[in-house]
PDB file of N, CA and C in Angstrom:
ATOM      1  N   MET A   1      -3.128  14.776 -16.774  1.00  0.00           N
ATOM      2  CA  MET A   1      -3.177  15.360 -15.438  1.00  0.00           C
ATOM      3  C   MET A   1      -2.134  16.463 -15.317  1.00  0.00           C
ATOM      4  N   THR A   2      -2.423  17.393 -14.466  1.00  0.00           N
ATOM      5  CA  THR A   2      -1.444  18.443 -14.195  1.00  0.00           C
ATOM      6  C   THR A   2      -0.445  17.934 -13.171  1.00  0.00           C
ATOM      7  N   GLY A   3       0.612  18.670 -12.958  1.00  0.00           N
ATOM      8  CA  GLY A   3       1.617  18.278 -11.979  1.00  0.00           C
ATOM      9  C   GLY A   3       1.040  18.111 -10.588  1.00  0.00           C
ATOM     10  N   ARG A   4       0.147  19.004 -10.188  1.00  0.00           N
ATOM     11  CA  ARG A   4      -0.465  18.928  -8.857  1.00  0.00           C
ATOM     12  C   ARG A   4      -1.322  17.655  -8.729  1.00  0.00           C
ATOM     13  N   ASN A   5      -2.078  17.340  -9.794  1.00  0.00           N
ATOM     14  CA  ASN A   5      -2.883  16.117  -9.774  1.00  0.00           C
ATOM     15  C   ASN A   5      -2.005  14.875  -9.744  1.00  0.00           C
ATOM     16  N   ASP A   6      -0.900  14.904 -10.488  1.00  0.00           N
ATOM     17  CA  ASP A   6       0.042  13.785 -10.477  1.00  0.00           C
ATOM     18  C   ASP A   6       0.595  13.559  -9.071  1.00  0.00           C
ATOM     19  N   ASP A   7       0.972  14.660  -8.412  1.00  0.00           N
ATOM     20  CA  ASP A   7       1.512  14.560  -7.057  1.00  0.00           C
ATOM     21  C   ASP A   7       0.479  13.993  -6.097  1.00  0.00           C
ATOM     22  N   ASN A   8      -0.757  14.481  -6.193  1.00  0.00           N
ATOM     23  CA  ASN A   8      -1.814  14.005  -5.316  1.00  0.00           C
ATOM     24  C   ASN A   8      -2.068  12.521  -5.538  1.00  0.00           C
ATOM     25  N   HIS A   9      -2.113  12.089  -6.801  1.00  0.00           N
ATOM     26  CA  HIS A   9      -2.336  10.675  -7.108  1.00  0.00           C
ATOM     27  C   HIS A   9      -1.202   9.824  -6.548  1.00  0.00           C
ATOM     28  N   ALA A  10       0.022  10.276  -6.745  1.00  0.00           N
ATOM     29  CA  ALA A  10       1.178   9.535  -6.232  1.00  0.00           C
ATOM     30  C   ALA A  10       1.116   9.436  -4.706  1.00  0.00           C
ATOM     31  N   ASN A  11       0.745  10.525  -4.037  1.00  0.00           N
ATOM     32  CA  ASN A  11       0.640  10.504  -2.575  1.00  0.00           C
ATOM     33  C   ASN A  11      -0.444   9.544  -2.107  1.00  0.00           C
ATOM     34  N   GLN A  12      -1.557   9.487  -2.836  1.00  0.00           N
ATOM     35  CA  GLN A  12      -2.648   8.599  -2.451  1.00  0.00           C
ATOM     36  C   GLN A  12      -2.313   7.131  -2.689  1.00  0.00           C
ATOM     37  N   MET A  13      -1.307   6.851  -3.495  1.00  0.00           N
ATOM     38  CA  MET A  13      -0.894   5.477  -3.756  1.00  0.00           C
ATOM     39  C   MET A  13       0.297   5.048  -2.885  1.00  0.00           C
ATOM     40  N   ASN A  14       0.821   5.963  -2.066  1.00  0.00           N
ATOM     41  CA  ASN A  14       2.012   5.723  -1.258  1.00  0.00           C
ATOM     42  C   ASN A  14       1.623   5.551   0.207  1.00  0.00           C
ATOM     43  N   SER A  15       1.734   4.336   0.730  1.00  0.00           N
ATOM     44  CA  SER A  15       1.321   4.069   2.109  1.00  0.00           C
ATOM     45  C   SER A  15       2.181   4.792   3.141  1.00  0.00           C
ATOM     46  N   ASN A  16       3.293   5.402   2.720  1.00  0.00           N
ATOM     47  CA  ASN A  16       4.114   6.213   3.625  1.00  0.00           C
ATOM     48  C   ASN A  16       3.557   7.623   3.776  1.00  0.00           C
ATOM     49  N   ASN A  17       2.543   7.982   2.980  1.00  0.00           N
ATOM     50  CA  ASN A  17       2.027   9.336   2.954  1.00  0.00           C
ATOM     51  C   ASN A  17       0.657   9.397   3.616  1.00  0.00           C
ATOM     52  N   ASP A  18       0.404  10.457   4.402  1.00  0.00           N
ATOM     53  CA  ASP A  18      -0.893  10.610   5.072  1.00  0.00           C
ATOM     54  C   ASP A  18      -2.052  10.661   4.075  1.00  0.00           C
ATOM     55  N   ALA A  19      -1.822  11.181   2.868  1.00  0.00           N
ATOM     56  CA  ALA A  19      -2.892  11.258   1.860  1.00  0.00           C
ATOM     57  C   ALA A  19      -3.405   9.869   1.497  1.00  0.00           C
ATOM     58  N   PHE A  20      -2.532   8.864   1.530  1.00  0.00           N
ATOM     59  CA  PHE A  20      -2.938   7.479   1.275  1.00  0.00           C
ATOM     60  C   PHE A  20      -4.008   7.069   2.277  1.00  0.00           C
ATOM     61  N   TRP A  21      -3.745   7.321   3.543  1.00  0.00           N
ATOM     62  CA  TRP A  21      -4.663   6.902   4.605  1.00  0.00           C
ATOM     63  C   TRP A  21      -5.911   7.775   4.642  1.00  0.00           C
ATOM     64  N   GLN A  22      -5.754   9.069   4.398  1.00  0.00           N
ATOM     65  CA  GLN A  22      -6.911   9.970   4.401  1.00  0.00           C
ATOM     66  C   GLN A  22      -7.874   9.627   3.268  1.00  0.00           C
ATOM     67  N   SER A  23      -7.345   9.203   2.129  1.00  0.00           N
ATOM     68  CA  SER A  23      -8.216   8.847   1.010  1.00  0.00           C
ATOM     69  C   SER A  23      -8.954   7.539   1.274  1.00  0.00           C
ATOM     70  N   ARG A  24      -8.549   6.830   2.318  1.00  0.00           N
ATOM     71  CA  ARG A  24      -9.196   5.579   2.702  1.00  0.00           C
ATOM     72  C   ARG A  24     -10.005   5.716   3.996  1.00  0.00           C
ATOM     73  N   GLY A  25     -10.254   6.965   4.424  1.00  0.00           N
ATOM     74  CA  GLY A  25     -11.131   7.223   5.552  1.00  0.00           C
ATOM     75  C   GLY A  25     -10.462   7.345   6.908  1.00  0.00           C
ATOM     76  N   TYR A  26      -9.131   7.303   6.964  1.00  0.00           N
ATOM     77  CA  TYR A  26      -8.411   7.478   8.225  1.00  0.00           C
ATOM     78  C   TYR A  26      -8.065   8.953   8.405  1.00  0.00           C
ATOM     79  N   ASP A  27      -7.914   9.388   9.649  1.00  0.00           N
ATOM     80  CA  ASP A  27      -7.476  10.758   9.912  1.00  0.00           C
ATOM     81  C   ASP A  27      -5.999  10.936   9.583  1.00  0.00           C
ATOM     82  N   GLU A  28      -5.220   9.887   9.836  1.00  0.00           N
ATOM     83  CA  GLU A  28      -3.787   9.902   9.566  1.00  0.00           C
ATOM     84  C   GLU A  28      -3.313   8.466   9.483  1.00  0.00           C
ATOM     85  N   ARG A  29      -2.024   8.287   9.188  1.00  0.00           N
ATOM     86  CA  ARG A  29      -1.462   6.941   9.095  1.00  0.00           C
ATOM     87  C   ARG A  29      -1.487   6.289  10.474  1.00  0.00           C
ATOM     88  N   PRO A  30      -2.053   5.074  10.588  1.00  0.00           N
ATOM     89  CA  PRO A  30      -2.080   4.393  11.883  1.00  0.00           C
ATOM     90  C   PRO A  30      -0.666   4.055  12.370  1.00  0.00           C
ATOM     91  N   ASP A  31      -0.489   4.002  13.680  1.00  0.00           N
ATOM     92  CA  ASP A  31       0.817   3.671  14.247  1.00  0.00           C
ATOM     93  C   ASP A  31       1.274   2.278  13.837  1.00  0.00           C
ATOM     94  N   ASP A  32       0.323   1.349  13.679  1.00  0.00           N
ATOM     95  CA  ASP A  32       0.666  -0.029  13.354  1.00  0.00           C
ATOM     96  C   ASP A  32       0.511  -0.340  11.865  1.00  0.00           C
ATOM     97  N   TRP A  33       0.695   0.650  11.005  1.00  0.00           N
ATOM     98  CA  TRP A  33       0.424   0.488   9.579  1.00  0.00           C
ATOM     99  C   TRP A  33       1.301  -0.559   8.910  1.00  0.00           C
ATOM    100  N   GLU A  34       2.465  -0.862   9.474  1.00  0.00           N
ATOM    101  CA  GLU A  34       3.352  -1.859   8.864  1.00  0.00           C
ATOM    102  C   GLU A  34       3.055  -3.279   9.312  1.00  0.00           C
ATOM    103  N   GLU A  35       2.250  -3.450  10.351  1.00  0.00           N
ATOM    104  CA  GLU A  35       1.935  -4.785  10.840  1.00  0.00           C
ATOM    105  C   GLU A  35       0.838  -5.398   9.983  1.00  0.00           C
ATOM    106  N   PRO A  36       0.995  -6.678   9.595  1.00  0.00           N
ATOM    107  CA  PRO A  36      -0.067  -7.315   8.821  1.00  0.00           C
ATOM    108  C   PRO A  36      -1.344  -7.428   9.650  1.00  0.00           C
ATOM    109  N   SER A  37      -2.494  -7.219   9.007  1.00  0.00           N
ATOM    110  CA  SER A  37      -3.756  -7.280   9.737  1.00  0.00           C
ATOM    111  C   SER A  37      -4.152  -8.716  10.059  1.00  0.00           C
ATOM    112  N   ASP A  38      -3.668  -9.668   9.274  1.00  0.00           N
ATOM    113  CA  ASP A  38      -3.983 -11.076   9.496  1.00  0.00           C
ATOM    114  C   ASP A  38      -2.673 -11.863   9.512  1.00  0.00           C
ATOM    115  N   PRO A  39      -2.194 -12.257  10.688  1.00  0.00           N
ATOM    116  CA  PRO A  39      -0.911 -12.965  10.765  1.00  0.00           C
ATOM    117  C   PRO A  39      -0.853 -14.221   9.899  1.00  0.00           C
ATOM    118  N   ALA A  40      -1.984 -14.862   9.643  1.00  0.00           N
ATOM    119  CA  ALA A  40      -1.998 -16.059   8.812  1.00  0.00           C
ATOM    120  C   ALA A  40      -1.606 -15.735   7.374  1.00  0.00           C
ATOM    121  N   ASN A  41      -1.790 -14.484   6.950  1.00  0.00           N
ATOM    122  CA  ASN A  41      -1.453 -14.073   5.594  1.00  0.00           C
ATOM    123  C   ASN A  41      -0.258 -13.137   5.552  1.00  0.00           C
ATOM    124  N   ALA A  42       0.564 -13.151   6.577  1.00  0.00           N
ATOM    125  CA  ALA A  42       1.688 -12.221   6.661  1.00  0.00           C
ATOM    126  C   ALA A  42       2.639 -12.376   5.491  1.00  0.00           C
ATOM    127  N   ASP A  43       2.766 -13.576   4.932  1.00  0.00           N
ATOM    128  CA  ASP A  43       3.669 -13.781   3.802  1.00  0.00           C
ATOM    129  C   ASP A  43       2.916 -13.946   2.490  1.00  0.00           C
ATOM    130  N   ALA A  44       1.709 -13.424   2.403  1.00  0.00           N
ATOM    131  CA  ALA A  44       0.874 -13.602   1.214  1.00  0.00           C
ATOM    132  C   ALA A  44       1.505 -13.009  -0.037  1.00  0.00           C
ATOM    133  N   GLY A  45       2.387 -12.022   0.099  1.00  0.00           N
ATOM    134  CA  GLY A  45       3.005 -11.403  -1.067  1.00  0.00           C
ATOM    135  C   GLY A  45       4.221 -12.131  -1.583  1.00  0.00           C
ATOM    136  N   ALA A  46       4.607 -13.204  -0.940  1.00  0.00           N
ATOM    137  CA  ALA A  46       5.811 -13.917  -1.345  1.00  0.00           C
ATOM    138  C   ALA A  46       5.454 -15.254  -1.988  1.00  0.00           C
ATOM    139  N   GLY A  47       6.289 -15.683  -2.919  1.00  0.00           N
ATOM    140  CA  GLY A  47       6.119 -17.000  -3.513  1.00  0.00           C
ATOM    141  C   GLY A  47       6.565 -18.068  -2.548  1.00  0.00           C
ATOM    142  N   SER A  48       6.452 -19.320  -2.933  1.00  0.00           N
ATOM    143  CA  SER A  48       6.779 -20.436  -2.040  1.00  0.00           C
ATOM    144  C   SER A  48       8.250 -20.460  -1.647  1.00  0.00           C
ATOM    145  N   ASP A  49       9.113 -19.863  -2.472  1.00  0.00           N
ATOM    146  CA  ASP A  49      10.536 -19.819  -2.141  1.00  0.00           C
ATOM    147  C   ASP A  49      10.915 -18.567  -1.359  1.00  0.00           C
ATOM    148  N   GLY A  50       9.909 -17.783  -0.972  1.00  0.00           N
ATOM    149  CA  GLY A  50      10.167 -16.553  -0.234  1.00  0.00           C
ATOM    150  C   GLY A  50      10.449 -15.373  -1.129  1.00  0.00           C
ATOM    151  N   GLY A  51      10.503 -15.603  -2.435  1.00  0.00           N
ATOM    152  CA  GLY A  51      10.750 -14.531  -3.384  1.00  0.00           C
ATOM    153  C   GLY A  51       9.467 -13.793  -3.714  1.00  0.00           C
ATOM    154  N   PRO A  52       9.565 -12.785  -4.534  1.00  0.00           N
ATOM    155  CA  PRO A  52       8.369 -12.016  -4.895  1.00  0.00           C
ATOM    156  C   PRO A  52       7.386 -12.843  -5.699  1.00  0.00           C
ATOM    157  N   LEU A  53       6.138 -12.544  -5.530  1.00  0.00           N
ATOM    158  CA  LEU A  53       5.073 -13.221  -6.247  1.00  0.00           C
ATOM    159  C   LEU A  53       5.038 -12.710  -7.675  1.00  0.00           C
ATOM    160  N   SER A  54       4.965 -13.603  -8.633  1.00  0.00           N
ATOM    161  CA  SER A  54       4.910 -13.229 -10.035  1.00  0.00           C
ATOM    162  C   SER A  54       3.463 -13.208 -10.507  1.00  0.00           C
ATOM    163  N   VAL A  55       3.105 -12.147 -11.227  1.00  0.00           N
ATOM    164  CA  VAL A  55       1.747 -12.013 -11.738  1.00  0.00           C
ATOM    165  C   VAL A  55       1.812 -11.744 -13.229  1.00  0.00           C
ATOM    166  N   ASP A  56       1.050 -12.515 -14.009  1.00  0.00           N
ATOM    167  CA  ASP A  56       0.975 -12.284 -15.442  1.00  0.00           C
ATOM    168  C   ASP A  56      -0.246 -11.442 -15.753  1.00  0.00           C
ATOM    169  N   TYR A  57      -0.074 -10.381 -16.534  1.00  0.00           N
ATOM    170  CA  TYR A  57      -1.174  -9.528 -16.936  1.00  0.00           C
ATOM    171  C   TYR A  57      -1.454  -9.776 -18.413  1.00  0.00           C
ATOM    172  N   TYR A  58      -2.692  -9.858 -18.754  1.00  0.00           N
ATOM    173  CA  TYR A  58      -3.076 -10.111 -20.141  1.00  0.00           C
ATOM    174  C   TYR A  58      -3.750  -8.915 -20.740  1.00  0.00           C
TER     175      TYR A  58
END
């Protein structure tokens, strides 16, 4: 990829960037983008001890 393509890809993967939301069909980043969409899963990214979830890749 060229530098411009690298930048665009990085922006589309960064939820702090409008390009992330635009690539997913939004006009811009929603005001409530940091709020979990399902309160029952608000801690889904954490392990049982509150630490980060560990994932093994094969």
